Amino acid sequence: MWLVAAAAGLVLAGGVVRVGAESAEPDPVPAAAAAAEPVLVEPVVEAPTAKAKAKPKPRPERSAAPYVDPLLGPPPGPQEDQVPERTATPDDRYAFLVGVTDYPSPTVDTIGGVEDVELIRSSLLEAGWLASNVRVLTDAQVTGRAVREGLAWLAERGTPGTFTMFHYSGHVQQLGGGIEALWPVDRDFVRDSELTAALAPVRGHLWVDIAGCEAGSFLPGLPDKRTLVSVSSGATEKSYEYPKWSRSVWTGLVYDLGTAQGQADADKDGRVTMGEALRYSTYYAQLITRDQKPHGRQTPEVEGDPVLGWTLSAPPA
């Protein structure tokens, strides 16, 4: 089971979680780059997997108890998620996805920024979203101007009866005084207050999802009864990536393991709601990263719109 594997150490490859003895320790950051700028998206460092020991013969009279983490408790079980009264048609769904892997030197590259948005885009298209309604910026395209223009494009389409989505995967810059910013490749930082102001005109349902360090700093001012905000870590925490998965821990859990592979289906009805996906990913992100040194685990946060009984193929309108 993946749950047991998470506690023992993971090898992630090709979007599939597998247990193995191969180390997932990332290559060290070059000393010059590390001295120039900090690593703002942290790779997961895993303990070596112990050599397999001979397993005793199973005892039929006793069934194996499910693994329960002593600090986090049991994984989330079934909950009654509120179902939206109306759902948005494909014509009324819009997404703006931004991901950066390749940053100009001396900024250290991320591992999964581009892979994150490619996974999300494919997930949306498989759920019936129109390719013409999904706008994507990656790597060199991600300038401060392009991000601001994309946010304006999204806000213009966020009329009543629509569902809009903004996702960002990449570095987050701390500008001091509690100010955080999205980090474009040209260093024309998009401040948290700018992001809030740019999306304020949206009048339909909106989902803002950010995978980056200190992502919780973007929460103030964004969540409300129509706006769902999910962030990969708290305001003072690092966020992690899996080098051999080439994705962030958060995005991989929400879209791949949780939704595509169905591991978040707590009530086993064959349908993963957004509530199930976010609860599953919040729990397992903490479980996977709880022993990371020196920064400690990441604790995702979810606030805002309480209506979570929807799927990507039937989002609220």
C-alpha atoms as a PDB file:
ATOM      1  CA  MET A   1       0.000   0.000   0.000  1.00  0.00           C
ATOM      2  CA  TRP A   2       1.154   3.548  -0.724  1.00  0.00           C
ATOM      3  CA  LEU A   3       0.354   4.550   2.853  1.00  0.00           C
ATOM      4  CA  VAL A   4       2.930   2.135   4.259  1.00  0.00           C
ATOM      5  CA  ALA A   5       5.400   3.033   1.511  1.00  0.00           C
ATOM      6  CA  ALA A   6       5.178   6.698   2.439  1.00  0.00           C
ATOM      7  CA  ALA A   7       6.414   5.969   5.905  1.00  0.00           C
ATOM      8  CA  ALA A   8       9.190   3.662   4.726  1.00  0.00           C
ATOM      9  CA  GLY A   9      10.565   5.741   1.855  1.00  0.00           C
ATOM     10  CA  LEU A  10       9.409   6.192  -1.736  1.00  0.00           C
ATOM     11  CA  VAL A  11      10.795   5.885  -5.186  1.00  0.00           C
ATOM     12  CA  LEU A  12       8.640   7.907  -7.568  1.00  0.00           C
ATOM     13  CA  ALA A  13       9.005   7.479 -11.289  1.00  0.00           C
ATOM     14  CA  GLY A  14       6.792   8.003 -14.291  1.00  0.00           C
ATOM     15  CA  GLY A  15       3.871   9.209 -12.192  1.00  0.00           C
ATOM     16  CA  VAL A  16       3.642   5.886 -10.353  1.00  0.00           C
ATOM     17  CA  VAL A  17       4.546   5.418  -6.706  1.00  0.00           C
ATOM     18  CA  ARG A  18       6.692   2.385  -6.063  1.00  0.00           C
ATOM     19  CA  VAL A  19       8.522   1.027  -3.068  1.00  0.00           C
ATOM     20  CA  GLY A  20      12.222   0.472  -3.683  1.00  0.00           C
ATOM     21  CA  ALA A  21      15.715   0.657  -2.283  1.00  0.00           C
ATOM     22  CA  GLU A  22      16.948   3.295  -4.694  1.00  0.00           C
ATOM     23  CA  SER A  23      17.811   6.571  -2.976  1.00  0.00           C
ATOM     24  CA  ALA A  24      15.713   9.610  -3.840  1.00  0.00           C
ATOM     25  CA  GLU A  25      18.281  12.057  -2.489  1.00  0.00           C
ATOM     26  CA  PRO A  26      18.635  14.994  -4.927  1.00  0.00           C
ATOM     27  CA  ASP A  27      21.893  16.171  -6.365  1.00  0.00           C
ATOM     28  CA  PRO A  28      23.388  18.912  -4.198  1.00  0.00           C
ATOM     29  CA  VAL A  29      22.875  22.518  -5.276  1.00  0.00           C
ATOM     30  CA  PRO A  30      26.107  24.004  -6.676  1.00  0.00           C
ATOM     31  CA  ALA A  31      27.835  26.037  -3.994  1.00  0.00           C
ATOM     32  CA  ALA A  32      27.977  29.211  -6.089  1.00  0.00           C
ATOM     33  CA  ALA A  33      24.263  29.149  -6.845  1.00  0.00           C
ATOM     34  CA  ALA A  34      23.381  28.343  -3.271  1.00  0.00           C
ATOM     35  CA  ALA A  35      25.417  31.272  -2.053  1.00  0.00           C
ATOM     36  CA  ALA A  36      23.808  33.592  -4.579  1.00  0.00           C
ATOM     37  CA  GLU A  37      20.201  32.751  -3.860  1.00  0.00           C
ATOM     38  CA  PRO A  38      18.354  30.357  -1.552  1.00  0.00           C
ATOM     39  CA  VAL A  39      16.584  27.249  -2.730  1.00  0.00           C
ATOM     40  CA  LEU A  40      12.940  28.245  -2.440  1.00  0.00           C
ATOM     41  CA  VAL A  41      11.418  24.964  -3.502  1.00  0.00           C
ATOM     42  CA  GLU A  42      12.918  22.190  -1.450  1.00  0.00           C
ATOM     43  CA  PRO A  43      13.540  18.681  -2.802  1.00  0.00           C
ATOM     44  CA  VAL A  44      12.425  15.859  -0.571  1.00  0.00           C
ATOM     45  CA  VAL A  45      15.376  14.127   1.060  1.00  0.00           C
ATOM     46  CA  GLU A  46      14.567  10.539   1.894  1.00  0.00           C
ATOM     47  CA  ALA A  47      16.171   8.182   4.346  1.00  0.00           C
ATOM     48  CA  PRO A  48      17.749   5.090   2.781  1.00  0.00           C
ATOM     49  CA  THR A  49      15.441   2.125   2.665  1.00  0.00           C
ATOM     50  CA  ALA A  50      16.550  -0.709   4.943  1.00  0.00           C
ATOM     51  CA  LYS A  51      17.436  -4.038   3.378  1.00  0.00           C
ATOM     52  CA  ALA A  52      14.462  -6.286   3.069  1.00  0.00           C
ATOM     53  CA  LYS A  53      14.216  -8.962   5.709  1.00  0.00           C
ATOM     54  CA  ALA A  54      12.649 -12.346   5.316  1.00  0.00           C
ATOM     55  CA  LYS A  55       8.932 -12.054   6.016  1.00  0.00           C
ATOM     56  CA  PRO A  56       7.322 -14.492   8.427  1.00  0.00           C
ATOM     57  CA  LYS A  57       4.520 -16.627   7.097  1.00  0.00           C
ATOM     58  CA  PRO A  58       1.163 -14.871   7.301  1.00  0.00           C
ATOM     59  CA  ARG A  59      -1.112 -15.736  10.177  1.00  0.00           C
ATOM     60  CA  PRO A  60      -4.612 -16.165   8.741  1.00  0.00           C
ATOM     61  CA  GLU A  61      -6.283 -15.682  12.101  1.00  0.00           C
ATOM     62  CA  ARG A  62      -5.106 -12.048  12.281  1.00  0.00           C
ATOM     63  CA  SER A  63      -5.537  -9.351   9.652  1.00  0.00           C
ATOM     64  CA  ALA A  64      -2.923  -6.584   9.298  1.00  0.00           C
ATOM     65  CA  ALA A  65      -3.991  -3.335  10.923  1.00  0.00           C
ATOM     66  CA  PRO A  66      -3.840  -0.238   8.696  1.00  0.00           C
ATOM     67  CA  TYR A  67      -0.874   2.044   9.290  1.00  0.00           C
ATOM     68  CA  VAL A  68      -1.699   5.059  11.465  1.00  0.00           C
ATOM     69  CA  ASP A  69       0.856   7.836  11.814  1.00  0.00           C
ATOM     70  CA  PRO A  70       1.446   8.546  15.518  1.00  0.00           C
ATOM     71  CA  LEU A  71       1.641  12.309  14.995  1.00  0.00           C
ATOM     72  CA  LEU A  72      -0.999  12.893  12.319  1.00  0.00           C
ATOM     73  CA  GLY A  73      -3.444  10.195  13.316  1.00  0.00           C
ATOM     74  CA  PRO A  74      -5.457   8.195  10.776  1.00  0.00           C
ATOM     75  CA  PRO A  75      -5.897   9.430   7.202  1.00  0.00           C
ATOM     76  CA  PRO A  76      -9.077  11.339   6.387  1.00  0.00           C
ATOM     77  CA  GLY A  77     -12.200   9.234   6.086  1.00  0.00           C
ATOM     78  CA  PRO A  78     -15.474   9.839   4.240  1.00  0.00           C
ATOM     79  CA  GLN A  79     -17.120  13.216   4.717  1.00  0.00           C
ATOM     80  CA  GLU A  80     -20.306  14.736   3.368  1.00  0.00           C
ATOM     81  CA  ASP A  81     -19.129  17.409   0.926  1.00  0.00           C
ATOM     82  CA  GLN A  82     -21.642  20.058  -0.077  1.00  0.00           C
ATOM     83  CA  VAL A  83     -22.693  19.645  -3.717  1.00  0.00           C
ATOM     84  CA  PRO A  84     -22.982  22.800  -5.897  1.00  0.00           C
ATOM     85  CA  GLU A  85     -26.454  23.849  -6.972  1.00  0.00           C
ATOM     86  CA  ARG A  86     -25.216  24.488 -10.514  1.00  0.00           C
ATOM     87  CA  THR A  87     -22.187  23.347 -12.457  1.00  0.00           C
ATOM     88  CA  ALA A  88     -20.263  25.242 -15.112  1.00  0.00           C
ATOM     89  CA  THR A  89     -20.434  24.027 -18.708  1.00  0.00           C
ATOM     90  CA  PRO A  90     -17.156  23.555 -20.617  1.00  0.00           C
ATOM     91  CA  ASP A  91     -17.743  26.910 -22.333  1.00  0.00           C
ATOM     92  CA  ASP A  92     -17.837  28.593 -18.913  1.00  0.00           C
ATOM     93  CA  ARG A  93     -14.624  27.144 -17.467  1.00  0.00           C
ATOM     94  CA  TYR A  94     -11.339  29.039 -17.706  1.00  0.00           C
ATOM     95  CA  ALA A  95      -7.878  28.336 -16.340  1.00  0.00           C
ATOM     96  CA  PHE A  96      -4.610  30.256 -16.191  1.00  0.00           C
ATOM     97  CA  LEU A  97      -1.670  27.982 -15.345  1.00  0.00           C
ATOM     98  CA  VAL A  98       1.857  29.236 -14.643  1.00  0.00           C
ATOM     99  CA  GLY A  99       4.907  27.061 -14.002  1.00  0.00           C
ATOM    100  CA  VAL A 100       8.642  27.726 -13.984  1.00  0.00           C
ATOM    101  CA  THR A 101      11.371  25.109 -13.898  1.00  0.00           C
ATOM    102  CA  ASP A 102      14.179  26.883 -15.783  1.00  0.00           C
ATOM    103  CA  TYR A 103      15.206  30.091 -14.009  1.00  0.00           C
ATOM    104  CA  PRO A 104      18.063  32.262 -15.316  1.00  0.00           C
ATOM    105  CA  SER A 105      21.287  31.931 -13.325  1.00  0.00           C
ATOM    106  CA  PRO A 106      22.048  32.492 -10.498  1.00  0.00           C
ATOM    107  CA  THR A 107      18.506  31.574  -9.431  1.00  0.00           C
ATOM    108  CA  VAL A 108      18.304  27.856  -8.683  1.00  0.00           C
ATOM    109  CA  ASP A 109      15.930  25.915 -10.946  1.00  0.00           C
ATOM    110  CA  THR A 110      12.899  24.130  -9.585  1.00  0.00           C
ATOM    111  CA  ILE A 111      12.294  20.498 -10.450  1.00  0.00           C
ATOM    112  CA  GLY A 112       8.594  20.333 -11.185  1.00  0.00           C
ATOM    113  CA  GLY A 113       7.206  23.764 -12.104  1.00  0.00           C
ATOM    114  CA  VAL A 114       6.556  22.963 -15.751  1.00  0.00           C
ATOM    115  CA  GLU A 115       5.649  19.333 -15.056  1.00  0.00           C
ATOM    116  CA  ASP A 116       3.028  20.536 -12.574  1.00  0.00           C
ATOM    117  CA  VAL A 117       1.179  22.706 -15.075  1.00  0.00           C
ATOM    118  CA  GLU A 118       1.430  20.072 -17.808  1.00  0.00           C
ATOM    119  CA  LEU A 119      -0.194  17.561 -15.466  1.00  0.00           C
ATOM    120  CA  ILE A 120      -2.928  20.021 -14.507  1.00  0.00           C
ATOM    121  CA  ARG A 121      -3.617  20.988 -18.114  1.00  0.00           C
ATOM    122  CA  SER A 122      -3.956  17.356 -19.179  1.00  0.00           C
ATOM    123  CA  SER A 123      -6.225  16.705 -16.186  1.00  0.00           C
ATOM    124  CA  LEU A 124      -8.496  19.594 -17.182  1.00  0.00           C
ATOM    125  CA  LEU A 125      -8.683  18.503 -20.818  1.00  0.00           C
ATOM    126  CA  GLU A 126      -9.523  14.942 -19.786  1.00  0.00           C
ATOM    127  CA  ALA A 127     -12.298  16.410 -17.628  1.00  0.00           C
ATOM    128  CA  GLY A 128     -13.856  18.121 -20.628  1.00  0.00           C
ATOM    129  CA  TRP A 129     -12.323  21.584 -20.409  1.00  0.00           C
ATOM    130  CA  LEU A 130     -11.793  23.365 -23.741  1.00  0.00           C
ATOM    131  CA  ALA A 131      -8.156  23.769 -24.766  1.00  0.00           C
ATOM    132  CA  SER A 132      -8.947  27.308 -25.953  1.00  0.00           C
ATOM    133  CA  ASN A 133     -10.056  28.188 -22.398  1.00  0.00           C
ATOM    134  CA  VAL A 134      -6.854  26.971 -20.738  1.00  0.00           C
ATOM    135  CA  ARG A 135      -4.023  29.502 -20.899  1.00  0.00           C
ATOM    136  CA  VAL A 136      -0.514  28.265 -19.995  1.00  0.00           C
ATOM    137  CA  LEU A 137       2.772  30.069 -19.352  1.00  0.00           C
ATOM    138  CA  THR A 138       5.991  28.145 -18.727  1.00  0.00           C
ATOM    139  CA  ASP A 139       9.668  28.998 -18.238  1.00  0.00           C
ATOM    140  CA  ALA A 140      10.820  31.919 -20.456  1.00  0.00           C
ATOM    141  CA  GLN A 141       7.203  32.923 -21.105  1.00  0.00           C
ATOM    142  CA  VAL A 142       6.700  33.699 -17.421  1.00  0.00           C
ATOM    143  CA  THR A 143       7.558  37.384 -17.231  1.00  0.00           C
ATOM    144  CA  GLY A 144       5.944  39.732 -14.738  1.00  0.00           C
ATOM    145  CA  ARG A 145       4.027  41.421 -17.537  1.00  0.00           C
ATOM    146  CA  ALA A 146       2.775  38.117 -18.965  1.00  0.00           C
ATOM    147  CA  VAL A 147       1.572  36.953 -15.538  1.00  0.00           C
ATOM    148  CA  ARG A 148      -0.305  40.214 -14.962  1.00  0.00           C
ATOM    149  CA  GLU A 149      -1.866  40.049 -18.421  1.00  0.00           C
ATOM    150  CA  GLY A 150      -2.915  36.449 -17.807  1.00  0.00           C
ATOM    151  CA  LEU A 151      -4.522  37.351 -14.482  1.00  0.00           C
ATOM    152  CA  ALA A 152      -6.436  40.178 -16.205  1.00  0.00           C
ATOM    153  CA  TRP A 153      -7.549  37.739 -18.928  1.00  0.00           C
ATOM    154  CA  LEU A 154      -8.852  35.342 -16.286  1.00  0.00           C
ATOM    155  CA  ALA A 155     -10.615  38.042 -14.275  1.00  0.00           C
ATOM    156  CA  GLU A 156     -12.402  39.340 -17.388  1.00  0.00           C
ATOM    157  CA  ARG A 157     -13.896  35.914 -17.938  1.00  0.00           C
ATOM    158  CA  GLY A 158     -14.947  35.408 -14.332  1.00  0.00           C
ATOM    159  CA  THR A 159     -18.534  36.498 -14.804  1.00  0.00           C
ATOM    160  CA  PRO A 160     -21.494  35.026 -12.883  1.00  0.00           C
ATOM    161  CA  GLY A 161     -22.087  31.406 -13.867  1.00  0.00           C
ATOM    162  CA  THR A 162     -18.420  30.696 -14.655  1.00  0.00           C
ATOM    163  CA  PHE A 163     -15.668  28.712 -12.956  1.00  0.00           C
ATOM    164  CA  THR A 164     -12.157  30.110 -13.170  1.00  0.00           C
ATOM    165  CA  MET A 165      -8.897  28.680 -11.918  1.00  0.00           C
ATOM    166  CA  PHE A 166      -5.401  30.062 -11.324  1.00  0.00           C
ATOM    167  CA  HIS A 167      -2.454  27.785 -10.547  1.00  0.00           C
ATOM    168  CA  TYR A 168       1.182  28.739  -9.938  1.00  0.00           C
ATOM    169  CA  SER A 169       4.151  26.401  -9.461  1.00  0.00           C
ATOM    170  CA  GLY A 170       7.551  27.964  -8.924  1.00  0.00           C
ATOM    171  CA  HIS A 171       9.660  30.044  -6.592  1.00  0.00           C
ATOM    172  CA  VAL A 172       8.132  32.514  -4.159  1.00  0.00           C
ATOM    173  CA  GLN A 173      10.170  35.559  -3.185  1.00  0.00           C
ATOM    174  CA  GLN A 174      10.064  37.088   0.293  1.00  0.00           C
ATOM    175  CA  LEU A 175      10.323  40.841  -0.116  1.00  0.00           C
ATOM    176  CA  GLY A 176      10.319  41.692   3.580  1.00  0.00           C
ATOM    177  CA  GLY A 177       7.653  43.143   5.806  1.00  0.00           C
ATOM    178  CA  GLY A 178       5.487  40.060   5.363  1.00  0.00           C
ATOM    179  CA  ILE A 179       5.238  40.619   1.596  1.00  0.00           C
ATOM    180  CA  GLU A 180       5.478  37.568  -0.669  1.00  0.00           C
ATOM    181  CA  ALA A 181       5.582  37.502  -4.460  1.00  0.00           C
ATOM    182  CA  LEU A 182       5.335  35.128  -7.384  1.00  0.00           C
ATOM    183  CA  TRP A 183       8.774  34.876  -8.997  1.00  0.00           C
ATOM    184  CA  PRO A 184       8.804  35.388 -12.808  1.00  0.00           C
ATOM    185  CA  VAL A 185      11.962  34.689 -14.776  1.00  0.00           C
ATOM    186  CA  ASP A 186      12.656  38.417 -15.289  1.00  0.00           C
ATOM    187  CA  ARG A 187      12.415  39.063 -11.531  1.00  0.00           C
ATOM    188  CA  ASP A 188       9.480  41.443 -12.076  1.00  0.00           C
ATOM    189  CA  PHE A 189       7.887  40.071  -8.920  1.00  0.00           C
ATOM    190  CA  VAL A 190       4.085  39.859  -8.686  1.00  0.00           C
ATOM    191  CA  ARG A 191       3.270  40.735  -5.082  1.00  0.00           C
ATOM    192  CA  ASP A 192       0.611  39.009  -3.028  1.00  0.00           C
ATOM    193  CA  SER A 193      -1.429  42.235  -2.923  1.00  0.00           C
ATOM    194  CA  GLU A 194      -1.276  42.450  -6.730  1.00  0.00           C
ATOM    195  CA  LEU A 195      -2.567  38.901  -7.068  1.00  0.00           C
ATOM    196  CA  THR A 196      -5.479  39.645  -4.739  1.00  0.00           C
ATOM    197  CA  ALA A 197      -6.337  42.894  -6.546  1.00  0.00           C
ATOM    198  CA  ALA A 198      -6.087  41.299  -9.995  1.00  0.00           C
ATOM    199  CA  LEU A 199      -8.562  38.544  -9.113  1.00  0.00           C
ATOM    200  CA  ALA A 200     -10.939  40.726  -7.089  1.00  0.00           C
ATOM    201  CA  PRO A 201     -13.197  41.465 -10.124  1.00  0.00           C
ATOM    202  CA  VAL A 202     -14.093  37.766 -10.534  1.00  0.00           C
ATOM    203  CA  ARG A 203     -17.815  37.299  -9.950  1.00  0.00           C
ATOM    204  CA  GLY A 204     -18.114  33.579 -10.593  1.00  0.00           C
ATOM    205  CA  HIS A 205     -16.532  30.728  -8.664  1.00  0.00           C
ATOM    206  CA  LEU A 206     -12.733  30.884  -8.480  1.00  0.00           C
ATOM    207  CA  TRP A 207     -10.056  28.428  -7.374  1.00  0.00           C
ATOM    208  CA  VAL A 208      -6.553  29.716  -6.602  1.00  0.00           C
ATOM    209  CA  ASP A 209      -3.929  26.988  -6.110  1.00  0.00           C
ATOM    210  CA  ILE A 210      -0.287  27.828  -5.331  1.00  0.00           C
ATOM    211  CA  ALA A 211       2.596  25.361  -5.047  1.00  0.00           C
ATOM    212  CA  GLY A 212       5.638  27.171  -3.666  1.00  0.00           C
ATOM    213  CA  CYS A 213       7.446  27.967  -0.463  1.00  0.00           C
ATOM    214  CA  GLU A 214       5.681  30.199   2.061  1.00  0.00           C
ATOM    215  CA  ALA A 215       2.554  29.852  -0.115  1.00  0.00           C
ATOM    216  CA  GLY A 216       0.292  30.471   2.881  1.00  0.00           C
ATOM    217  CA  SER A 217       1.272  34.151   2.705  1.00  0.00           C
ATOM    218  CA  PHE A 218      -1.054  34.503  -0.289  1.00  0.00           C
ATOM    219  CA  LEU A 219      -4.137  33.559   1.746  1.00  0.00           C
ATOM    220  CA  PRO A 220      -5.071  36.931   3.286  1.00  0.00           C
ATOM    221  CA  GLY A 221      -7.648  38.715   1.161  1.00  0.00           C
ATOM    222  CA  LEU A 222      -8.321  35.902  -1.310  1.00  0.00           C
ATOM    223  CA  PRO A 223     -10.695  33.326   0.224  1.00  0.00           C
ATOM    224  CA  ASP A 224     -14.426  34.028   0.359  1.00  0.00           C
ATOM    225  CA  LYS A 225     -17.701  32.189  -0.177  1.00  0.00           C
ATOM    226  CA  ARG A 226     -17.039  31.953  -3.946  1.00  0.00           C
ATOM    227  CA  THR A 227     -13.247  31.695  -3.879  1.00  0.00           C
ATOM    228  CA  LEU A 228     -11.441  28.500  -2.891  1.00  0.00           C
ATOM    229  CA  VAL A 229      -7.752  28.915  -2.048  1.00  0.00           C
ATOM    230  CA  SER A 230      -5.369  25.998  -1.579  1.00  0.00           C
ATOM    231  CA  VAL A 231      -1.672  26.456  -0.838  1.00  0.00           C
ATOM    232  CA  SER A 232       1.079  23.874  -0.564  1.00  0.00           C
ATOM    233  CA  SER A 233       2.565  25.133   2.716  1.00  0.00           C
ATOM    234  CA  GLY A 234       2.103  27.588   5.549  1.00  0.00           C
ATOM    235  CA  ALA A 235       3.335  31.174   5.499  1.00  0.00           C
ATOM    236  CA  THR A 236       6.620  30.272   7.202  1.00  0.00           C
ATOM    237  CA  GLU A 237       7.176  26.826   5.667  1.00  0.00           C
ATOM    238  CA  LYS A 238       9.055  25.440   2.703  1.00  0.00           C
ATOM    239  CA  SER A 239       7.328  23.355   0.047  1.00  0.00           C
ATOM    240  CA  TYR A 240       8.916  20.232  -1.384  1.00  0.00           C
ATOM    241  CA  GLU A 241       9.333  18.460  -4.702  1.00  0.00           C
ATOM    242  CA  TYR A 242      10.118  14.852  -5.583  1.00  0.00           C
ATOM    243  CA  PRO A 243      13.144  14.853  -7.919  1.00  0.00           C
ATOM    244  CA  LYS A 244      12.348  11.453  -9.403  1.00  0.00           C
ATOM    245  CA  TRP A 245       8.706  12.350  -9.898  1.00  0.00           C
ATOM    246  CA  SER A 246       9.595  15.734 -11.436  1.00  0.00           C
ATOM    247  CA  ARG A 247       6.638  17.329  -9.694  1.00  0.00           C
ATOM    248  CA  SER A 248       5.864  19.148  -6.513  1.00  0.00           C
ATOM    249  CA  VAL A 249       4.602  16.993  -3.663  1.00  0.00           C
ATOM    250  CA  TRP A 250       1.385  19.014  -3.542  1.00  0.00           C
ATOM    251  CA  THR A 251       0.453  18.880  -7.226  1.00  0.00           C
ATOM    252  CA  GLY A 252       1.401  15.232  -7.537  1.00  0.00           C
ATOM    253  CA  LEU A 253      -0.850  14.324  -4.632  1.00  0.00           C
ATOM    254  CA  VAL A 254      -3.868  16.398  -5.708  1.00  0.00           C
ATOM    255  CA  TYR A 255      -3.942  15.575  -9.419  1.00  0.00           C
ATOM    256  CA  ASP A 256      -2.129  12.270  -9.843  1.00  0.00           C
ATOM    257  CA  LEU A 257      -2.312  10.054  -6.755  1.00  0.00           C
ATOM    258  CA  GLY A 258      -5.404  11.628  -5.257  1.00  0.00           C
ATOM    259  CA  THR A 259      -7.587  12.202  -8.315  1.00  0.00           C
ATOM    260  CA  ALA A 260      -6.246  10.305 -11.351  1.00  0.00           C
ATOM    261  CA  GLN A 261      -5.278   7.192  -9.388  1.00  0.00           C
ATOM    262  CA  GLY A 262      -8.338   7.512  -7.145  1.00  0.00           C
ATOM    263  CA  GLN A 263      -6.485   7.186  -3.848  1.00  0.00           C
ATOM    264  CA  ALA A 264      -8.440  10.113  -2.375  1.00  0.00           C
ATOM    265  CA  ASP A 265     -11.794   8.348  -2.901  1.00  0.00           C
ATOM    266  CA  ALA A 266     -12.518   8.001   0.815  1.00  0.00           C
ATOM    267  CA  ASP A 267     -16.104   6.790   0.417  1.00  0.00           C
ATOM    268  CA  LYS A 268     -15.181   4.363  -2.404  1.00  0.00           C
ATOM    269  CA  ASP A 269     -17.938   5.557  -4.714  1.00  0.00           C
ATOM    270  CA  GLY A 270     -15.646   5.781  -7.750  1.00  0.00           C
ATOM    271  CA  ARG A 271     -15.736   9.579  -7.744  1.00  0.00           C
ATOM    272  CA  VAL A 272     -13.086  11.844  -6.195  1.00  0.00           C
ATOM    273  CA  THR A 273     -14.560  15.147  -5.059  1.00  0.00           C
ATOM    274  CA  MET A 274     -12.414  18.220  -4.614  1.00  0.00           C
ATOM    275  CA  GLY A 275     -12.966  17.950  -0.874  1.00  0.00           C
ATOM    276  CA  GLU A 276     -11.617  14.404  -0.880  1.00  0.00           C
ATOM    277  CA  ALA A 277      -8.618  15.344  -3.039  1.00  0.00           C
ATOM    278  CA  LEU A 278      -7.645  18.317  -0.878  1.00  0.00           C
ATOM    279  CA  ARG A 279      -8.055  16.481   2.441  1.00  0.00           C
ATOM    280  CA  TYR A 280      -6.060  13.509   1.149  1.00  0.00           C
ATOM    281  CA  SER A 281      -3.289  15.735  -0.214  1.00  0.00           C
ATOM    282  CA  THR A 282      -3.114  17.876   2.923  1.00  0.00           C
ATOM    283  CA  TYR A 283      -2.664  14.773   5.071  1.00  0.00           C
ATOM    284  CA  TYR A 284      -0.121  12.976   2.907  1.00  0.00           C
ATOM    285  CA  ALA A 285       1.945  16.070   2.134  1.00  0.00           C
ATOM    286  CA  GLN A 286       2.550  16.331   5.872  1.00  0.00           C
ATOM    287  CA  LEU A 287       3.248  12.612   6.165  1.00  0.00           C
ATOM    288  CA  ILE A 288       5.763  12.564   3.309  1.00  0.00           C
ATOM    289  CA  THR A 289       7.656  15.664   4.479  1.00  0.00           C
ATOM    290  CA  ARG A 290       7.381  15.451   8.258  1.00  0.00           C
ATOM    291  CA  ASP A 291      11.030  14.394   8.794  1.00  0.00           C
ATOM    292  CA  GLN A 292      12.648  16.848   6.388  1.00  0.00           C
ATOM    293  CA  LYS A 293      15.715  18.661   7.744  1.00  0.00           C
ATOM    294  CA  PRO A 294      16.328  21.468   8.483  1.00  0.00           C
ATOM    295  CA  HIS A 295      13.056  23.121   7.435  1.00  0.00           C
ATOM    296  CA  GLY A 296      10.553  20.549   8.658  1.00  0.00           C
ATOM    297  CA  ARG A 297       7.347  19.424   7.061  1.00  0.00           C
ATOM    298  CA  GLN A 298       5.012  21.382   4.816  1.00  0.00           C
ATOM    299  CA  THR A 299       1.447  21.893   6.010  1.00  0.00           C
ATOM    300  CA  PRO A 300      -0.943  22.700   3.151  1.00  0.00           C
ATOM    301  CA  GLU A 301      -3.855  25.016   3.909  1.00  0.00           C
ATOM    302  CA  VAL A 302      -7.300  25.255   2.321  1.00  0.00           C
ATOM    303  CA  GLU A 303      -9.712  28.144   2.906  1.00  0.00           C
ATOM    304  CA  GLY A 304     -12.716  29.834   1.351  1.00  0.00           C
ATOM    305  CA  ASP A 305     -15.603  28.370  -0.632  1.00  0.00           C
ATOM    306  CA  PRO A 306     -17.185  25.596   1.484  1.00  0.00           C
ATOM    307  CA  VAL A 307     -18.766  23.879  -1.519  1.00  0.00           C
ATOM    308  CA  LEU A 308     -16.354  21.012  -2.190  1.00  0.00           C
ATOM    309  CA  GLY A 309     -18.574  18.220  -3.512  1.00  0.00           C
ATOM    310  CA  TRP A 310     -17.553  18.782  -7.116  1.00  0.00           C
ATOM    311  CA  THR A 311     -15.119  17.312  -9.595  1.00  0.00           C
ATOM    312  CA  LEU A 312     -12.991  18.823 -12.363  1.00  0.00           C
ATOM    313  CA  SER A 313     -15.577  17.573 -14.873  1.00  0.00           C
ATOM    314  CA  ALA A 314     -18.418  19.358 -13.020  1.00  0.00           C
ATOM    315  CA  PRO A 315     -17.109  22.425 -11.152  1.00  0.00           C
ATOM    316  CA  PRO A 316     -19.506  24.889  -9.505  1.00  0.00           C
ATOM    317  CA  ALA A 317     -21.035  27.781 -11.439  1.00  0.00           C
END
